[in-house]
All heavy atoms as atom14 arrays in JSON, in Angstrom:
{
  "sequence": "GPDQEYSVHLDTGERYWGQYVYQFSHELCHILCQYD",
  "atom14_mask": [
    [1, 1, 1, 1, 0, 0, 0, 0, 0, 0, 0, 0, 0, 0],
    [1, 1, 1, 1, 1, 1, 1, 0, 0, 0, 0, 0, 0, 0],
    [1, 1, 1, 1, 1, 1, 1, 1, 0, 0, 0, 0, 0, 0],
    [1, 1, 1, 1, 1, 1, 1, 1, 1, 0, 0, 0, 0, 0],
    [1, 1, 1, 1, 1, 1, 1, 1, 1, 0, 0, 0, 0, 0],
    [1, 1, 1, 1, 1, 1, 1, 1, 1, 1, 1, 1, 0, 0],
    [1, 1, 1, 1, 1, 1, 0, 0, 0, 0, 0, 0, 0, 0],
    [1, 1, 1, 1, 1, 1, 1, 0, 0, 0, 0, 0, 0, 0],
    [1, 1, 1, 1, 1, 1, 1, 1, 1, 1, 0, 0, 0, 0],
    [1, 1, 1, 1, 1, 1, 1, 1, 0, 0, 0, 0, 0, 0],
    [1, 1, 1, 1, 1, 1, 1, 1, 0, 0, 0, 0, 0, 0],
    [1, 1, 1, 1, 1, 1, 1, 0, 0, 0, 0, 0, 0, 0],
    [1, 1, 1, 1, 0, 0, 0, 0, 0, 0, 0, 0, 0, 0],
    [1, 1, 1, 1, 1, 1, 1, 1, 1, 0, 0, 0, 0, 0],
    [1, 1, 1, 1, 1, 1, 1, 1, 1, 1, 1, 0, 0, 0],
    [1, 1, 1, 1, 1, 1, 1, 1, 1, 1, 1, 1, 0, 0],
    [1, 1, 1, 1, 1, 1, 1, 1, 1, 1, 1, 1, 1, 1],
    [1, 1, 1, 1, 0, 0, 0, 0, 0, 0, 0, 0, 0, 0],
    [1, 1, 1, 1, 1, 1, 1, 1, 1, 0, 0, 0, 0, 0],
    [1, 1, 1, 1, 1, 1, 1, 1, 1, 1, 1, 1, 0, 0],
    [1, 1, 1, 1, 1, 1, 1, 0, 0, 0, 0, 0, 0, 0],
    [1, 1, 1, 1, 1, 1, 1, 1, 1, 1, 1, 1, 0, 0],
    [1, 1, 1, 1, 1, 1, 1, 1, 1, 0, 0, 0, 0, 0],
    [1, 1, 1, 1, 1, 1, 1, 1, 1, 1, 1, 0, 0, 0],
    [1, 1, 1, 1, 1, 1, 0, 0, 0, 0, 0, 0, 0, 0],
    [1, 1, 1, 1, 1, 1, 1, 1, 1, 1, 0, 0, 0, 0],
    [1, 1, 1, 1, 1, 1, 1, 1, 1, 0, 0, 0, 0, 0],
    [1, 1, 1, 1, 1, 1, 1, 1, 0, 0, 0, 0, 0, 0],
    [1, 1, 1, 1, 1, 1, 0, 0, 0, 0, 0, 0, 0, 0],
    [1, 1, 1, 1, 1, 1, 1, 1, 1, 1, 0, 0, 0, 0],
    [1, 1, 1, 1, 1, 1, 1, 1, 0, 0, 0, 0, 0, 0],
    [1, 1, 1, 1, 1, 1, 1, 1, 0, 0, 0, 0, 0, 0],
    [1, 1, 1, 1, 1, 1, 0, 0, 0, 0, 0, 0, 0, 0],
    [1, 1, 1, 1, 1, 1, 1, 1, 1, 0, 0, 0, 0, 0],
    [1, 1, 1, 1, 1, 1, 1, 1, 1, 1, 1, 1, 0, 0],
    [1, 1, 1, 1, 1, 1, 1, 1, 0, 0, 0, 0, 0, 0]
  ],
  "atom14_positions": [
    [[158.04, 156.78, 125.16], [159.45, 157.1, 125.12], [159.7, 158.6, 125.05], [158.75, 159.4, 125.0], [0.0, 0.0, 0.0], [0.0, 0.0, 0.0], [0.0, 0.0, 0.0], [0.0, 0.0, 0.0], [0.0, 0.0, 0.0], [0.0, 0.0, 0.0], [0.0, 0.0, 0.0], [0.0, 0.0, 0.0], [0.0, 0.0, 0.0], [0.0, 0.0, 0.0]],
    [[160.97, 159.01, 125.04], [161.3, 160.44, 125.04], [160.79, 161.19, 123.81], [160.58, 162.4, 123.87], [162.83, 160.45, 125.1], [163.25, 159.09, 124.65], [162.16, 158.17, 125.08], [0.0, 0.0, 0.0], [0.0, 0.0, 0.0], [0.0, 0.0, 0.0], [0.0, 0.0, 0.0], [0.0, 0.0, 0.0], [0.0, 0.0, 0.0], [0.0, 0.0, 0.0]],
    [[160.6, 160.49, 122.72], [160.05, 161.09, 121.5], [158.59, 160.7, 121.3], [158.08, 160.71, 120.2], [160.87, 160.68, 120.28], [162.29, 161.21, 120.33], [162.46, 162.37, 120.74], [163.22, 160.46, 119.98], [0.0, 0.0, 0.0], [0.0, 0.0, 0.0], [0.0, 0.0, 0.0], [0.0, 0.0, 0.0], [0.0, 0.0, 0.0], [0.0, 0.0, 0.0]],
    [[157.94, 160.32, 122.43], [156.53, 159.92, 122.43], [156.3, 158.64, 121.64], [155.18, 158.36, 121.2], [155.63, 161.04, 121.9], [155.55, 162.25, 122.83], [155.02, 161.88, 124.21], [153.9, 161.42, 124.37], [155.85, 162.05, 125.23], [0.0, 0.0, 0.0], [0.0, 0.0, 0.0], [0.0, 0.0, 0.0], [0.0, 0.0, 0.0], [0.0, 0.0, 0.0]],
    [[157.33, 157.83, 121.46], [157.15, 156.57, 120.74], [156.44, 155.55, 121.62], [156.55, 155.55, 122.84], [158.51, 156.01, 120.28], [159.47, 155.63, 121.38], [160.41, 156.77, 121.76], [160.04, 157.94, 121.53], [161.49, 156.48, 122.32], [0.0, 0.0, 0.0], [0.0, 0.0, 0.0], [0.0, 0.0, 0.0], [0.0, 0.0, 0.0], [0.0, 0.0, 0.0]],
    [[155.66, 154.69, 120.95], [154.96, 153.6, 121.62], [155.89, 152.39, 121.7], [156.69, 152.15, 120.8], [153.71, 153.2, 120.84], [152.61, 154.23, 120.84], [152.51, 155.16, 119.81], [151.67, 154.27, 121.86], [151.49, 156.11, 119.79], [150.66, 155.22, 121.86], [150.58, 156.13, 120.83], [149.58, 157.07, 120.83], [0.0, 0.0, 0.0], [0.0, 0.0, 0.0]],
    [[155.75, 151.63, 122.78], [156.51, 150.39, 122.94], [155.54, 149.22, 122.93], [154.75, 149.03, 123.86], [157.29, 150.41, 124.25], [158.07, 149.23, 124.39], [0.0, 0.0, 0.0], [0.0, 0.0, 0.0], [0.0, 0.0, 0.0], [0.0, 0.0, 0.0], [0.0, 0.0, 0.0], [0.0, 0.0, 0.0], [0.0, 0.0, 0.0], [0.0, 0.0, 0.0]],
    [[155.57, 148.44, 121.85], [154.7, 147.28, 121.69], [155.54, 146.02, 121.88], [156.59, 145.86, 121.27], [154.05, 147.26, 120.29], [153.32, 145.94, 120.05], [153.09, 148.43, 120.13], [0.0, 0.0, 0.0], [0.0, 0.0, 0.0], [0.0, 0.0, 0.0], [0.0, 0.0, 0.0], [0.0, 0.0, 0.0], [0.0, 0.0, 0.0], [0.0, 0.0, 0.0]],
    [[155.06, 145.13, 122.74], [155.71, 143.84, 122.95], [154.75, 142.75, 122.48], [153.59, 142.72, 122.9], [156.05, 143.64, 124.42], [157.16, 144.53, 124.91], [158.39, 144.05, 125.3], [157.22, 145.88, 125.05], [159.16, 145.05, 125.67], [158.47, 146.17, 125.52], [0.0, 0.0, 0.0], [0.0, 0.0, 0.0], [0.0, 0.0, 0.0], [0.0, 0.0, 0.0]],
    [[155.22, 141.88, 121.63], [154.43, 140.74, 121.18], [154.86, 139.5, 121.94], [155.78, 139.53, 122.77], [154.6, 140.55, 119.66], [154.26, 141.77, 118.8], [154.38, 141.41, 117.32], [152.88, 142.31, 119.1], [0.0, 0.0, 0.0], [0.0, 0.0, 0.0], [0.0, 0.0, 0.0], [0.0, 0.0, 0.0], [0.0, 0.0, 0.0], [0.0, 0.0, 0.0]],
    [[154.23, 138.4, 121.69], [154.58, 137.12, 122.31], [154.57, 136.06, 121.21], [153.72, 135.18, 121.18], [153.59, 136.76, 123.42], [153.97, 135.47, 124.15], [155.16, 135.1, 124.09], [153.08, 134.83, 124.74], [0.0, 0.0, 0.0], [0.0, 0.0, 0.0], [0.0, 0.0, 0.0], [0.0, 0.0, 0.0], [0.0, 0.0, 0.0], [0.0, 0.0, 0.0]],
    [[155.5, 136.21, 120.28], [155.55, 135.29, 119.16], [156.98, 135.25, 118.62], [157.89, 135.87, 119.17], [154.55, 135.7, 118.06], [154.5, 134.68, 117.06], [154.93, 137.02, 117.42], [0.0, 0.0, 0.0], [0.0, 0.0, 0.0], [0.0, 0.0, 0.0], [0.0, 0.0, 0.0], [0.0, 0.0, 0.0], [0.0, 0.0, 0.0], [0.0, 0.0, 0.0]],
    [[157.18, 134.54, 117.56], [158.5, 134.42, 116.96], [158.48, 133.36, 115.88], [157.43, 132.83, 115.52], [0.0, 0.0, 0.0], [0.0, 0.0, 0.0], [0.0, 0.0, 0.0], [0.0, 0.0, 0.0], [0.0, 0.0, 0.0], [0.0, 0.0, 0.0], [0.0, 0.0, 0.0], [0.0, 0.0, 0.0], [0.0, 0.0, 0.0], [0.0, 0.0, 0.0]],
    [[159.66, 133.06, 115.36], [159.8, 132.11, 114.27], [158.86, 132.52, 113.13], [158.76, 133.7, 112.8], [159.58, 130.69, 114.77], [160.55, 130.32, 115.89], [160.42, 128.89, 116.36], [159.93, 128.04, 115.6], [160.83, 128.62, 117.51], [0.0, 0.0, 0.0], [0.0, 0.0, 0.0], [0.0, 0.0, 0.0], [0.0, 0.0, 0.0], [0.0, 0.0, 0.0]],
    [[158.16, 131.58, 112.51], [157.34, 131.91, 111.34], [155.85, 131.78, 111.61], [155.08, 131.41, 110.73], [157.74, 131.01, 110.16], [159.18, 131.23, 109.72], [159.53, 130.38, 108.51], [160.91, 130.61, 108.1], [161.48, 130.02, 107.06], [160.8, 129.17, 106.31], [162.74, 130.29, 106.76], [0.0, 0.0, 0.0], [0.0, 0.0, 0.0], [0.0, 0.0, 0.0]],
    [[155.44, 132.12, 112.82], [154.02, 132.08, 113.15], [153.37, 133.39, 112.69], [152.94, 134.23, 113.49], [153.83, 131.88, 114.65], [154.43, 130.59, 115.17], [155.46, 130.6, 116.11], [153.96, 129.35, 114.71], [156.01, 129.42, 116.57], [154.5, 128.16, 115.17], [155.53, 128.2, 116.1], [156.07, 127.03, 116.56], [0.0, 0.0, 0.0], [0.0, 0.0, 0.0]],
    [[153.28, 133.56, 111.37], [152.85, 134.84, 110.81], [151.44, 135.23, 111.24], [151.16, 136.43, 111.41], [152.96, 134.81, 109.29], [154.31, 134.42, 108.78], [154.62, 133.44, 107.88], [155.58, 135.01, 109.14], [155.97, 133.36, 107.65], [156.59, 134.32, 108.41], [155.96, 136.03, 110.0], [157.94, 134.64, 108.53], [157.3, 136.35, 110.12], [158.27, 135.65, 109.38]],
    [[150.57, 134.25, 111.42], [149.22, 134.57, 111.88], [149.23, 135.23, 113.24], [148.45, 136.15, 113.51], [0.0, 0.0, 0.0], [0.0, 0.0, 0.0], [0.0, 0.0, 0.0], [0.0, 0.0, 0.0], [0.0, 0.0, 0.0], [0.0, 0.0, 0.0], [0.0, 0.0, 0.0], [0.0, 0.0, 0.0], [0.0, 0.0, 0.0], [0.0, 0.0, 0.0]],
    [[150.13, 134.75, 114.13], [150.23, 135.36, 115.45], [150.76, 136.78, 115.36], [150.3, 137.66, 116.1], [151.15, 134.53, 116.35], [150.55, 133.23, 116.82], [151.46, 132.51, 117.81], [152.58, 132.95, 118.08], [150.97, 131.4, 118.35], [0.0, 0.0, 0.0], [0.0, 0.0, 0.0], [0.0, 0.0, 0.0], [0.0, 0.0, 0.0], [0.0, 0.0, 0.0]],
    [[151.73, 137.02, 114.48], [152.25, 138.38, 114.3], [151.1, 139.33, 113.93], [150.95, 140.41, 114.52], [153.29, 138.42, 113.18], [154.63, 137.81, 113.5], [154.84, 136.44, 113.38], [155.71, 138.6, 113.88], [156.07, 135.87, 113.63], [156.96, 138.04, 114.13], [157.14, 136.68, 114.01], [158.37, 136.11, 114.26], [0.0, 0.0, 0.0], [0.0, 0.0, 0.0]],
    [[150.33, 138.94, 112.93], [149.25, 139.79, 112.44], [148.19, 139.99, 113.53], [147.74, 141.12, 113.78], [148.62, 139.2, 111.17], [147.42, 140.04, 110.73], [149.65, 139.1, 110.05], [0.0, 0.0, 0.0], [0.0, 0.0, 0.0], [0.0, 0.0, 0.0], [0.0, 0.0, 0.0], [0.0, 0.0, 0.0], [0.0, 0.0, 0.0], [0.0, 0.0, 0.0]],
    [[147.8, 138.9, 114.16], [146.75, 138.94, 115.17], [147.15, 139.83, 116.34], [146.39, 140.72, 116.76], [146.47, 137.52, 115.66], [145.49, 137.43, 116.79], [144.12, 137.53, 116.57], [145.94, 137.24, 118.1], [143.22, 137.45, 117.63], [145.04, 137.16, 119.15], [143.69, 137.27, 118.92], [142.8, 137.19, 119.96], [0.0, 0.0, 0.0], [0.0, 0.0, 0.0]],
    [[148.35, 139.62, 116.88], [148.77, 140.37, 118.06], [149.09, 141.83, 117.75], [148.7, 142.73, 118.49], [149.99, 139.7, 118.7], [149.71, 138.33, 119.28], [150.93, 137.7, 119.92], [151.94, 138.36, 120.16], [150.86, 136.41, 120.2], [0.0, 0.0, 0.0], [0.0, 0.0, 0.0], [0.0, 0.0, 0.0], [0.0, 0.0, 0.0], [0.0, 0.0, 0.0]],
    [[149.77, 142.06, 116.64], [150.18, 143.43, 116.32], [148.98, 144.3, 116.0], [148.9, 145.45, 116.45], [151.18, 143.42, 115.17], [151.88, 144.73, 114.95], [152.25, 145.54, 116.01], [152.19, 145.16, 113.66], [152.91, 146.76, 115.8], [152.85, 146.36, 113.44], [153.21, 147.16, 114.52], [0.0, 0.0, 0.0], [0.0, 0.0, 0.0], [0.0, 0.0, 0.0]],
    [[148.02, 143.79, 115.25], [146.85, 144.6, 114.92], [146.02, 144.89, 116.18], [145.42, 145.97, 116.29], [145.99, 143.91, 113.85], [145.68, 142.59, 114.2], [0.0, 0.0, 0.0], [0.0, 0.0, 0.0], [0.0, 0.0, 0.0], [0.0, 0.0, 0.0], [0.0, 0.0, 0.0], [0.0, 0.0, 0.0], [0.0, 0.0, 0.0], [0.0, 0.0, 0.0]],
    [[146.0, 143.98, 117.14], [145.31, 144.24, 118.41], [145.94, 145.43, 119.11], [145.23, 146.35, 119.56], [145.4, 142.99, 119.3], [144.69, 143.13, 120.62], [143.5, 142.5, 120.9], [145.01, 143.82, 121.75], [143.11, 142.81, 122.13], [144.03, 143.62, 122.67], [0.0, 0.0, 0.0], [0.0, 0.0, 0.0], [0.0, 0.0, 0.0], [0.0, 0.0, 0.0]],
    [[147.26, 145.45, 119.19], [147.94, 146.55, 119.88], [147.84, 147.85, 119.09], [147.74, 148.93, 119.67], [149.4, 146.19, 120.16], [149.61, 144.9, 120.96], [148.75, 144.79, 122.21], [148.48, 145.83, 122.85], [148.35, 143.66, 122.55], [0.0, 0.0, 0.0], [0.0, 0.0, 0.0], [0.0, 0.0, 0.0], [0.0, 0.0, 0.0], [0.0, 0.0, 0.0]],
    [[147.86, 147.77, 117.77], [147.65, 148.96, 116.95], [146.28, 149.57, 117.21], [146.11, 150.8, 117.2], [147.81, 148.63, 115.46], [149.22, 148.32, 114.98], [149.19, 147.87, 113.52], [150.14, 149.52, 115.14], [0.0, 0.0, 0.0], [0.0, 0.0, 0.0], [0.0, 0.0, 0.0], [0.0, 0.0, 0.0], [0.0, 0.0, 0.0], [0.0, 0.0, 0.0]],
    [[145.3, 148.72, 117.45], [143.96, 149.23, 117.73], [143.92, 149.97, 119.06], [143.24, 151.0, 119.18], [142.94, 148.1, 117.71], [141.23, 148.65, 117.88], [0.0, 0.0, 0.0], [0.0, 0.0, 0.0], [0.0, 0.0, 0.0], [0.0, 0.0, 0.0], [0.0, 0.0, 0.0], [0.0, 0.0, 0.0], [0.0, 0.0, 0.0], [0.0, 0.0, 0.0]],
    [[144.65, 149.5, 120.07], [144.73, 150.25, 121.33], [145.3, 151.65, 121.07], [144.83, 152.64, 121.65], [145.62, 149.52, 122.33], [144.92, 148.42, 123.07], [143.79, 148.63, 123.82], [145.21, 147.08, 123.18], [143.4, 147.48, 124.37], [144.24, 146.54, 123.98], [0.0, 0.0, 0.0], [0.0, 0.0, 0.0], [0.0, 0.0, 0.0], [0.0, 0.0, 0.0]],
    [[146.32, 151.72, 120.2], [146.9, 153.02, 119.87], [145.87, 153.89, 119.17], [145.73, 155.08, 119.47], [148.16, 152.82, 119.0], [149.26, 152.14, 119.83], [148.66, 154.15, 118.45], [150.47, 151.72, 119.03], [0.0, 0.0, 0.0], [0.0, 0.0, 0.0], [0.0, 0.0, 0.0], [0.0, 0.0, 0.0], [0.0, 0.0, 0.0], [0.0, 0.0, 0.0]],
    [[145.13, 153.3, 118.24], [144.08, 154.05, 117.54], [143.01, 154.54, 118.51], [142.49, 155.65, 118.37], [143.45, 153.18, 116.46], [142.35, 153.83, 115.62], [142.92, 154.97, 114.77], [141.67, 152.8, 114.72], [0.0, 0.0, 0.0], [0.0, 0.0, 0.0], [0.0, 0.0, 0.0], [0.0, 0.0, 0.0], [0.0, 0.0, 0.0], [0.0, 0.0, 0.0]],
    [[142.69, 153.74, 119.52], [141.68, 154.1, 120.52], [142.16, 155.19, 121.47], [141.36, 155.69, 122.27], [141.32, 152.87, 121.37], [140.36, 151.6, 120.54], [0.0, 0.0, 0.0], [0.0, 0.0, 0.0], [0.0, 0.0, 0.0], [0.0, 0.0, 0.0], [0.0, 0.0, 0.0], [0.0, 0.0, 0.0], [0.0, 0.0, 0.0], [0.0, 0.0, 0.0]],
    [[143.45, 155.54, 121.43], [144.04, 156.47, 122.4], [143.83, 155.94, 123.82], [143.3, 156.64, 124.69], [143.46, 157.88, 122.23], [143.71, 158.48, 120.87], [143.49, 159.97, 120.85], [144.4, 160.73, 121.11], [142.25, 160.38, 120.56], [0.0, 0.0, 0.0], [0.0, 0.0, 0.0], [0.0, 0.0, 0.0], [0.0, 0.0, 0.0], [0.0, 0.0, 0.0]],
    [[144.27, 154.71, 123.99], [144.11, 154.01, 125.26], [144.64, 154.84, 126.43], [145.61, 155.58, 126.29], [144.82, 152.66, 125.2], [146.33, 152.76, 125.07], [147.15, 152.53, 126.16], [146.93, 153.11, 123.85], [148.53, 152.63, 126.06], [148.3, 153.21, 123.73], [149.1, 152.97, 124.84], [150.46, 153.09, 124.72], [0.0, 0.0, 0.0], [0.0, 0.0, 0.0]],
    [[144.0, 154.7, 127.59], [144.43, 155.44, 128.78], [143.99, 154.66, 130.02], [143.48, 153.55, 129.93], [143.86, 156.86, 128.79], [142.35, 156.9, 128.62], [141.67, 155.97, 129.1], [141.82, 157.86, 128.01], [0.0, 0.0, 0.0], [0.0, 0.0, 0.0], [0.0, 0.0, 0.0], [0.0, 0.0, 0.0], [0.0, 0.0, 0.0], [0.0, 0.0, 0.0]]
  ]
}
């Protein structure tokens, strides 16, 4: 984004908390890796 923000899209909802954790930590790791 214009302020260098990352845009993460998940594929979950409702109360599937395990999916939130699983998917979000995966994408956070890409950010940590400095994906390119």
